[in-house]
């Protein structure tokens, strides 16, 4: 069957249009997700007709056909892309079954290839020290320069010293700071609260900024602000980090979240207990924290290979 006949299949065309409306209107999926799902459906449909594995209406696809598609696609696209494609196809066929356009979801309960586990990127301790030294280069002669230098130093020290998510830092108020214990109360995902030790240097940076620049530091006042005393956005903090990465000649693809990776990795490198690191990061599952043990092991293996005569 030719491409023109495929495109002119009214049953498929109407089903796809209804599915698009359902995704955007009823489920309110993002434009990005909807686009990917539609692309996945078109990709499978073209493969199905090209290989002669489908009937004219594409609604008689069997699990065997779907499995063949998975096997062939693994050689062409990444595992994560394939998993996203299958998610779109599963949702499409589920939608079609509910509207009695087909009787079976061929992608339901198919075994998918495991996603590649990529170790998170992080900065070395030497790189971190170089980064944390950058705000000192800001000219403090002007009032604005002094404000920026003290505030930016505080941002970097807290992100690395406490392993906070950038959204958690943006929401931080002075009432969340425990000056005695050198710790802060953090409200994380799902409004779960935890206590994070941040260390002497981060606390000193907060005190310096509070005493010298904060117009008000009552319990409900934000810690991280712009010069107009309004709470600083997460986007602004991301751009601030980019500036200092550039100044220090460090990789520009580093993000505030990768400072969090650095924090966790360095803790474990120096013998911190995994459960304690889990608590400080605010992870609900230990398995999420365990990714950092893989980084430490990878580092040890690299050291062994470089240093051991029989490696």
Foldseek 3Di string as FASTA:
>chain_A
DDPVLLVPQVLQVVLLVVVLCCCCPVVVDDPVLSVLLSVLVVVLSVVCVVVVPADSNRQVHALVSVVVVQVVCVVPDAQVSSVSSLVSLQSSNVSCVVVVVHPDSSSPPDDGDDHDDDQFDADAPVLLVLLLCQLVPFDVPDVQSVLCSLLLNLLSLQLQQQLDDLVQLLQDALLQADLVQCWGWTQDPPRDIAITRRDDSNSVSLVVNCVPQAPDRPRRQHSRDHNVSHRDDSVVSQVSSLVSCVVSVHDSVDGSNNSSLHNLLVCVLVPHDLVVNCRSNVPPDSVVSCSSVVVSVVVVVVVCVVPPPVD
